[in-house]
C-alpha atoms as a PDB file:
ATOM      1  CA  MET A   1      33.329 -15.558   7.047  1.00  0.00           C
ATOM      2  CA  ALA A   2      30.068 -14.078   5.682  1.00  0.00           C
ATOM      3  CA  ASP A   3      30.057 -12.065   2.508  1.00  0.00           C
ATOM      4  CA  ILE A   4      29.588  -8.423   3.318  1.00  0.00           C
ATOM      5  CA  GLU A   5      28.224  -6.122   0.646  1.00  0.00           C
ATOM      6  CA  VAL A   6      29.970  -2.777   0.632  1.00  0.00           C
ATOM      7  CA  ILE A   7      27.762  -0.055  -0.780  1.00  0.00           C
ATOM      8  CA  PRO A   8      29.406   3.166  -1.905  1.00  0.00           C
ATOM      9  CA  ALA A   9      28.089   6.348  -0.314  1.00  0.00           C
ATOM     10  CA  ASN A  10      24.819   7.693  -1.736  1.00  0.00           C
ATOM     11  CA  GLN A  11      23.862   4.387  -3.357  1.00  0.00           C
ATOM     12  CA  LEU A  12      21.078   1.967  -2.491  1.00  0.00           C
ATOM     13  CA  THR A  13      21.134  -1.774  -1.938  1.00  0.00           C
ATOM     14  CA  ILE A  14      19.148  -4.013  -4.270  1.00  0.00           C
ATOM     15  CA  ASP A  15      16.571  -4.507  -1.501  1.00  0.00           C
ATOM     16  CA  GLN A  16      16.144  -0.750  -1.238  1.00  0.00           C
ATOM     17  CA  HIS A  17      15.708  -0.474  -5.003  1.00  0.00           C
ATOM     18  CA  VAL A  18      13.140  -3.286  -4.952  1.00  0.00           C
ATOM     19  CA  GLU A  19      11.207  -1.555  -2.181  1.00  0.00           C
ATOM     20  CA  ARG A  20      11.254   1.798  -3.988  1.00  0.00           C
ATOM     21  CA  ILE A  21      10.078   0.198  -7.234  1.00  0.00           C
ATOM     22  CA  ARG A  22       7.291  -1.743  -5.514  1.00  0.00           C
ATOM     23  CA  SER A  23       6.182   1.414  -3.772  1.00  0.00           C
ATOM     24  CA  ALA A  24       6.115   3.305  -7.089  1.00  0.00           C
ATOM     25  CA  LEU A  25       4.089   0.501  -8.699  1.00  0.00           C
ATOM     26  CA  ASP A  26       1.581   0.635  -5.853  1.00  0.00           C
ATOM     27  CA  ARG A  27       1.249   4.411  -6.280  1.00  0.00           C
ATOM     28  CA  ALA A  28       0.811   3.989 -10.049  1.00  0.00           C
ATOM     29  CA  ARG A  29      -1.946   1.389  -9.544  1.00  0.00           C
ATOM     30  CA  SER A  30      -3.656   3.656  -7.044  1.00  0.00           C
ATOM     31  CA  ALA A  31      -3.426   6.619  -9.439  1.00  0.00           C
ATOM     32  CA  ILE A  32      -4.861   4.571 -12.330  1.00  0.00           C
ATOM     33  CA  PHE A  33      -7.876   3.536 -10.289  1.00  0.00           C
ATOM     34  CA  ASP A  34      -8.284   7.073  -8.962  1.00  0.00           C
ATOM     35  CA  LEU A  35      -8.454   8.207 -12.592  1.00  0.00           C
ATOM     36  CA  VAL A  36     -11.005   5.480 -13.344  1.00  0.00           C
ATOM     37  CA  ASP A  37     -13.141   6.607 -10.391  1.00  0.00           C
ATOM     38  CA  THR A  38     -13.051  10.268 -11.396  1.00  0.00           C
ATOM     39  CA  ILE A  39     -13.942   9.493 -15.008  1.00  0.00           C
ATOM     40  CA  LYS A  40     -16.866   7.329 -13.883  1.00  0.00           C
ATOM     41  CA  ALA A  41     -18.060  10.085 -11.527  1.00  0.00           C
ATOM     42  CA  ALA A  42     -17.849  12.647 -14.350  1.00  0.00           C
ATOM     43  CA  HIS A  43     -19.930  10.406 -16.613  1.00  0.00           C
ATOM     44  CA  ASP A  44     -22.506   9.768 -13.890  1.00  0.00           C
ATOM     45  CA  GLN A  45     -22.865  13.481 -13.157  1.00  0.00           C
ATOM     46  CA  LEU A  46     -22.549  14.996 -16.640  1.00  0.00           C
ATOM     47  CA  GLY A  47     -24.376  12.373 -18.664  1.00  0.00           C
ATOM     48  CA  GLY A  48     -23.332  10.668 -21.864  1.00  0.00           C
ATOM     49  CA  ASP A  49     -23.639  13.569 -24.312  1.00  0.00           C
ATOM     50  CA  VAL A  50     -21.442  16.029 -22.421  1.00  0.00           C
ATOM     51  CA  PHE A  51     -19.092  13.197 -21.444  1.00  0.00           C
ATOM     52  CA  GLN A  52     -18.564  12.037 -25.039  1.00  0.00           C
ATOM     53  CA  SER A  53     -18.164  15.455 -26.599  1.00  0.00           C
ATOM     54  CA  GLU A  54     -17.216  18.363 -24.386  1.00  0.00           C
ATOM     55  CA  LEU A  55     -15.364  16.488 -21.638  1.00  0.00           C
ATOM     56  CA  ALA A  56     -13.356  14.436 -24.130  1.00  0.00           C
ATOM     57  CA  GLU A  57     -12.424  17.566 -26.062  1.00  0.00           C
ATOM     58  CA  ARG A  58     -11.455  19.541 -22.964  1.00  0.00           C
ATOM     59  CA  LEU A  59      -9.287  16.678 -21.751  1.00  0.00           C
ATOM     60  CA  GLY A  60      -7.647  16.348 -25.167  1.00  0.00           C
ATOM     61  CA  MET A  61      -8.772  12.743 -25.262  1.00  0.00           C
ATOM     62  CA  SER A  62     -10.740  10.950 -27.936  1.00  0.00           C
ATOM     63  CA  ALA A  63     -14.309  10.012 -27.038  1.00  0.00           C
ATOM     64  CA  SER A  64     -13.454   6.342 -27.597  1.00  0.00           C
ATOM     65  CA  THR A  65     -10.528   6.474 -25.165  1.00  0.00           C
ATOM     66  CA  LEU A  66     -12.684   8.169 -22.559  1.00  0.00           C
ATOM     67  CA  SER A  67     -15.326   5.467 -23.078  1.00  0.00           C
ATOM     68  CA  ARG A  68     -12.701   2.766 -22.559  1.00  0.00           C
ATOM     69  CA  TRP A  69     -11.737   4.338 -19.236  1.00  0.00           C
ATOM     70  CA  LEU A  70     -15.422   4.331 -18.338  1.00  0.00           C
ATOM     71  CA  GLN A  71     -15.738   0.639 -19.227  1.00  0.00           C
ATOM     72  CA  ILE A  72     -12.911  -0.098 -16.805  1.00  0.00           C
ATOM     73  CA  GLY A  73     -14.728   1.915 -14.132  1.00  0.00           C
ATOM     74  CA  ASN A  74     -17.985   0.082 -14.796  1.00  0.00           C
ATOM     75  CA  SER A  75     -16.400  -3.326 -14.295  1.00  0.00           C
ATOM     76  CA  GLN A  76     -17.266  -4.485 -10.796  1.00  0.00           C
ATOM     77  CA  PHE A  77     -14.808  -7.356 -11.210  1.00  0.00           C
ATOM     78  CA  LEU A  78     -11.894  -5.041 -11.968  1.00  0.00           C
ATOM     79  CA  ILE A  79     -12.765  -2.635  -9.193  1.00  0.00           C
ATOM     80  CA  ALA A  80     -12.969  -5.501  -6.690  1.00  0.00           C
ATOM     81  CA  GLN A  81      -9.676  -7.026  -7.867  1.00  0.00           C
ATOM     82  CA  GLN A  82      -7.655  -3.876  -8.466  1.00  0.00           C
ATOM     83  CA  ALA A  83      -4.855  -4.804  -6.053  1.00  0.00           C
ATOM     84  CA  ARG A  84      -4.144  -7.895  -8.172  1.00  0.00           C
ATOM     85  CA  LEU A  85      -4.346  -6.290 -11.585  1.00  0.00           C
ATOM     86  CA  PRO A  86      -1.775  -4.689 -13.863  1.00  0.00           C
ATOM     87  CA  SER A  87      -1.669  -0.932 -13.778  1.00  0.00           C
ATOM     88  CA  THR A  88      -1.723  -0.298 -17.502  1.00  0.00           C
ATOM     89  CA  PHE A  89      -4.645   1.086 -19.448  1.00  0.00           C
ATOM     90  CA  SER A  90      -4.432  -1.389 -22.325  1.00  0.00           C
ATOM     91  CA  SER A  91      -4.314  -4.438 -20.041  1.00  0.00           C
ATOM     92  CA  LEU A  92      -7.247  -3.217 -17.965  1.00  0.00           C
ATOM     93  CA  TYR A  93      -9.297  -2.479 -21.066  1.00  0.00           C
ATOM     94  CA  ASP A  94      -8.467  -5.914 -22.519  1.00  0.00           C
ATOM     95  CA  LEU A  95      -9.726  -7.459 -19.279  1.00  0.00           C
ATOM     96  CA  THR A  96     -13.061  -5.627 -19.671  1.00  0.00           C
ATOM     97  CA  ARG A  97     -13.383  -7.140 -23.144  1.00  0.00           C
ATOM     98  CA  LEU A  98     -12.621 -10.625 -21.803  1.00  0.00           C
ATOM     99  CA  GLU A  99     -15.100 -10.096 -18.980  1.00  0.00           C
ATOM    100  CA  LYS A 100     -17.803  -9.168 -21.506  1.00  0.00           C
ATOM    101  CA  ILE A 101     -17.166 -12.338 -23.523  1.00  0.00           C
ATOM    102  CA  TYR A 102     -17.208 -14.437 -20.336  1.00  0.00           C
ATOM    103  CA  VAL A 103     -20.525 -12.935 -19.200  1.00  0.00           C
ATOM    104  CA  GLU A 104     -22.037 -13.519 -22.655  1.00  0.00           C
ATOM    105  CA  GLN A 105     -20.901 -17.154 -22.568  1.00  0.00           C
ATOM    106  CA  TYR A 106     -21.698 -18.088 -18.960  1.00  0.00           C
ATOM    107  CA  GLY A 107     -24.091 -15.422 -17.737  1.00  0.00           C
ATOM    108  CA  PRO A 108     -23.734 -12.735 -15.093  1.00  0.00           C
ATOM    109  CA  THR A 109     -24.265 -15.073 -12.129  1.00  0.00           C
ATOM    110  CA  GLU A 110     -21.399 -17.354 -13.105  1.00  0.00           C
ATOM    111  CA  ALA A 111     -19.167 -14.387 -13.887  1.00  0.00           C
ATOM    112  CA  GLU A 112     -19.529 -13.053 -10.341  1.00  0.00           C
ATOM    113  CA  ARG A 113     -17.853 -16.138  -8.831  1.00  0.00           C
END
């Protein structure tokens, strides 16, 4: 006889929890890259001076943090690979730093592969 899992009323199966968590992770990744896109667009439109001072202040964010978000947005590699990447700021920023070192070592052509 097959094992039958009895789920109490108003509770989810493990598969349902897994699906809900994966869905939330996908939404979080999408939101992170939406934030990256909007920060890059703000920089492109407002210019560096307003971006570094007034925008950072109005967002309650340090200029260096805002610049790190921009570095993520300027990384063509990260933008192209976003579905495969972690959805945390620190990990994405660390990847931009690794990308910079890689490009310095091997050149931009090799880095695009």
